[in-house]
Amino acid sequence: MTGVLRQAGAIPYRHSPVGLRVLLITSRGTRRWVIPKGGVEKGFTPAQAAEREAYEEAGLKGILSDVPLGIFTYSKRQRNGGFRSAAVEVYAMRVHKEFKKWPERKERRLKWMTVPEAVELVDEHGMKALLLRLEQIETLNSSILENAAGLL
């Protein structure tokens, strides 16, 4: 039996006039809504892999969180029809640039949405929890910034 597949991913986010938005993409095979994620290749850190996947799969560049939001596991469908356990180390990524052209643009759909919308669309419970964690962190950060601005 093969061991657990090590992956890294990013939850791309931005703040809009109507609040926090996250970006989901469709997987190539099943067309399910997921986050950009992929294997951690030898010589690369999980953070570097997450940045690469965000660009290749969604055409995004941004700033990754210093610390991962967490890890979720899922069963990855293999080309031979079987499944393999995968553990995904996930980082928050504040998006600064969206490219018009990127490697997998013709293979996936992208959609910006609220966290509650994203939680409804993703299948993996661990991914749902990390989306909610991002929302909690960003809400807290916004409150701290507002309070600090009021003190100036």
Protein backbone atom coordinates (compact mmCIF):
# COMPACT_ATOMS: atom_id res chain seq x y z
CA MET A 1 0.00 0.00 0.00
CA THR A 2 1.20 3.49 -0.83
CA GLY A 3 1.54 6.10 1.94
CA VAL A 4 -0.44 9.30 2.36
CA LEU A 5 0.01 11.78 -0.48
CA ARG A 6 1.46 15.08 0.76
CA GLN A 7 -0.18 18.15 -0.76
CA ALA A 8 -0.37 21.89 -0.15
CA GLY A 9 -3.09 24.34 -1.04
CA ALA A 10 -4.27 27.90 -0.67
CA ILE A 11 -7.56 29.54 0.16
CA PRO A 12 -7.40 32.68 -1.97
CA TYR A 13 -9.25 35.63 -0.45
CA ARG A 14 -9.84 39.33 -0.86
CA HIS A 15 -11.88 42.03 0.80
CA SER A 16 -14.54 43.72 -1.28
CA PRO A 17 -16.96 46.55 -0.47
CA VAL A 18 -19.50 43.87 0.54
CA GLY A 19 -17.10 41.85 2.69
CA LEU A 20 -14.73 38.90 2.61
CA ARG A 21 -14.67 36.77 -0.55
CA VAL A 22 -12.88 33.48 -1.20
CA LEU A 23 -12.16 31.85 -4.53
CA LEU A 24 -13.01 28.25 -5.35
CA ILE A 25 -12.11 26.37 -8.50
CA THR A 26 -13.50 23.23 -10.08
CA SER A 27 -11.44 20.06 -10.11
CA ARG A 28 -10.49 18.80 -13.55
CA GLY A 29 -11.90 15.30 -13.18
CA THR A 30 -15.08 15.47 -11.10
CA ARG A 31 -15.80 19.22 -11.53
CA ARG A 32 -16.34 19.52 -7.76
CA TRP A 33 -15.62 22.86 -6.08
CA VAL A 34 -12.20 22.82 -4.39
CA ILE A 35 -9.29 25.09 -3.47
CA PRO A 36 -6.11 25.26 -5.54
CA LYS A 37 -3.91 22.41 -4.27
CA GLY A 38 -1.34 19.92 -5.43
CA GLY A 39 1.66 17.83 -4.56
CA VAL A 40 4.67 19.12 -2.64
CA GLU A 41 7.61 18.35 -4.92
CA LYS A 42 11.06 17.54 -3.59
CA GLY A 43 13.03 20.69 -2.86
CA PHE A 44 9.95 22.84 -2.30
CA THR A 45 8.21 23.88 0.92
CA PRO A 46 4.45 23.42 1.31
CA ALA A 47 4.09 27.22 1.11
CA GLN A 48 5.96 27.32 -2.20
CA ALA A 49 3.79 24.49 -3.52
CA ALA A 50 0.61 26.33 -2.44
CA GLU A 51 1.77 29.49 -4.26
CA ARG A 52 2.56 27.50 -7.41
CA GLU A 53 -0.83 25.76 -7.40
CA ALA A 54 -2.71 29.05 -6.91
CA TYR A 55 -1.00 30.41 -10.02
CA GLU A 56 -1.23 27.27 -12.18
CA GLU A 57 -4.83 26.38 -11.31
CA ALA A 58 -6.39 29.81 -10.75
CA GLY A 59 -4.04 32.45 -12.19
CA LEU A 60 -3.49 34.15 -8.83
CA LYS A 61 -0.56 35.77 -7.05
CA GLY A 62 -0.65 37.06 -3.52
CA ILE A 63 0.73 36.93 -0.01
CA LEU A 64 0.51 33.66 1.91
CA SER A 65 -0.07 33.47 5.63
CA ASP A 66 3.12 32.80 7.61
CA VAL A 67 1.46 29.87 9.36
CA PRO A 68 -0.88 27.33 7.72
CA LEU A 69 -4.58 27.56 8.56
CA GLY A 70 -4.44 23.82 9.13
CA ILE A 71 -4.51 20.45 7.40
CA PHE A 72 -7.41 18.48 5.96
CA THR A 73 -7.48 14.99 4.54
CA TYR A 74 -9.47 13.52 1.68
CA SER A 75 -9.51 10.56 -0.69
CA LYS A 76 -7.92 11.50 -4.00
CA ARG A 77 -9.16 9.66 -7.06
CA GLN A 78 -6.28 8.07 -8.96
CA ARG A 79 -6.00 7.67 -12.73
CA ASN A 80 -6.49 3.91 -12.35
CA GLY A 81 -9.87 4.51 -10.68
CA GLY A 82 -8.65 3.78 -7.16
CA PHE A 83 -8.30 6.19 -4.27
CA ARG A 84 -5.36 7.36 -2.17
CA SER A 85 -5.42 9.27 1.11
CA ALA A 86 -4.09 12.81 0.83
CA ALA A 87 -3.20 15.35 3.53
CA VAL A 88 -3.35 18.99 2.42
CA GLU A 89 -1.50 21.74 4.33
CA VAL A 90 -3.56 24.88 3.66
CA TYR A 91 -2.47 28.52 3.69
CA ALA A 92 -4.55 31.69 3.48
CA MET A 93 -3.58 33.75 0.44
CA ARG A 94 -4.45 37.45 0.20
CA VAL A 95 -4.78 37.93 -3.56
CA HIS A 96 -2.99 40.88 -5.13
CA LYS A 97 -3.07 39.94 -8.81
CA GLU A 98 -5.42 37.97 -11.05
CA PHE A 99 -3.91 37.03 -14.41
CA LYS A 100 -5.94 36.88 -17.63
CA LYS A 101 -3.89 33.90 -18.82
CA TRP A 102 -2.52 31.04 -16.73
CA PRO A 103 -1.66 27.36 -17.33
CA GLU A 104 -5.00 25.68 -16.45
CA ARG A 105 -7.45 28.46 -17.42
CA LYS A 106 -9.25 26.29 -20.00
CA GLU A 107 -9.59 23.32 -17.64
CA ARG A 108 -11.33 24.90 -14.63
CA ARG A 109 -14.06 27.28 -13.57
CA LEU A 110 -13.33 29.93 -10.93
CA LYS A 111 -15.79 31.71 -8.69
CA TRP A 112 -15.44 34.37 -5.99
CA MET A 113 -18.00 33.91 -3.21
CA THR A 114 -18.74 34.43 0.45
CA VAL A 115 -17.43 31.92 2.98
CA PRO A 116 -20.93 30.55 3.72
CA GLU A 117 -21.45 29.97 -0.03
CA ALA A 118 -18.07 28.20 -0.25
CA VAL A 119 -18.84 26.03 2.79
CA GLU A 120 -22.04 24.87 1.06
CA LEU A 121 -20.22 23.99 -2.16
CA VAL A 122 -17.19 22.03 -0.90
CA ASP A 123 -17.52 18.36 0.03
CA GLU A 124 -14.63 17.82 2.44
CA HIS A 125 -15.52 18.61 6.07
CA GLY A 126 -11.93 19.59 6.81
CA MET A 127 -11.96 22.13 4.00
CA LYS A 128 -15.21 23.58 5.35
CA ALA A 129 -13.58 24.02 8.77
CA LEU A 130 -10.57 25.83 7.28
CA LEU A 131 -12.80 28.19 5.30
CA LEU A 132 -14.62 29.06 8.53
CA ARG A 133 -11.29 29.51 10.36
CA LEU A 134 -10.17 31.99 7.69
CA GLU A 135 -13.41 33.93 8.13
CA GLN A 136 -12.91 34.06 11.92
CA ILE A 137 -9.31 35.27 11.57
CA GLU A 138 -10.19 37.95 9.03
CA THR A 139 -13.15 39.16 11.13
CA LEU A 140 -10.87 39.44 14.16
CA ASN A 141 -8.17 41.23 12.14
CA SER A 142 -10.73 43.72 10.82
CA SER A 143 -11.99 44.43 14.35
CA ILE A 144 -8.46 45.00 15.62
CA LEU A 145 -7.68 47.40 12.76
CA GLU A 146 -10.91 49.34 13.31
CA ASN A 147 -10.22 49.63 17.03
CA ALA A 148 -6.63 50.73 16.41
CA ALA A 149 -7.78 53.37 13.92
CA GLY A 150 -10.21 54.71 16.52
CA LEU A 151 -7.33 55.22 18.95
CA LEU A 152 -5.36 57.44 16.55
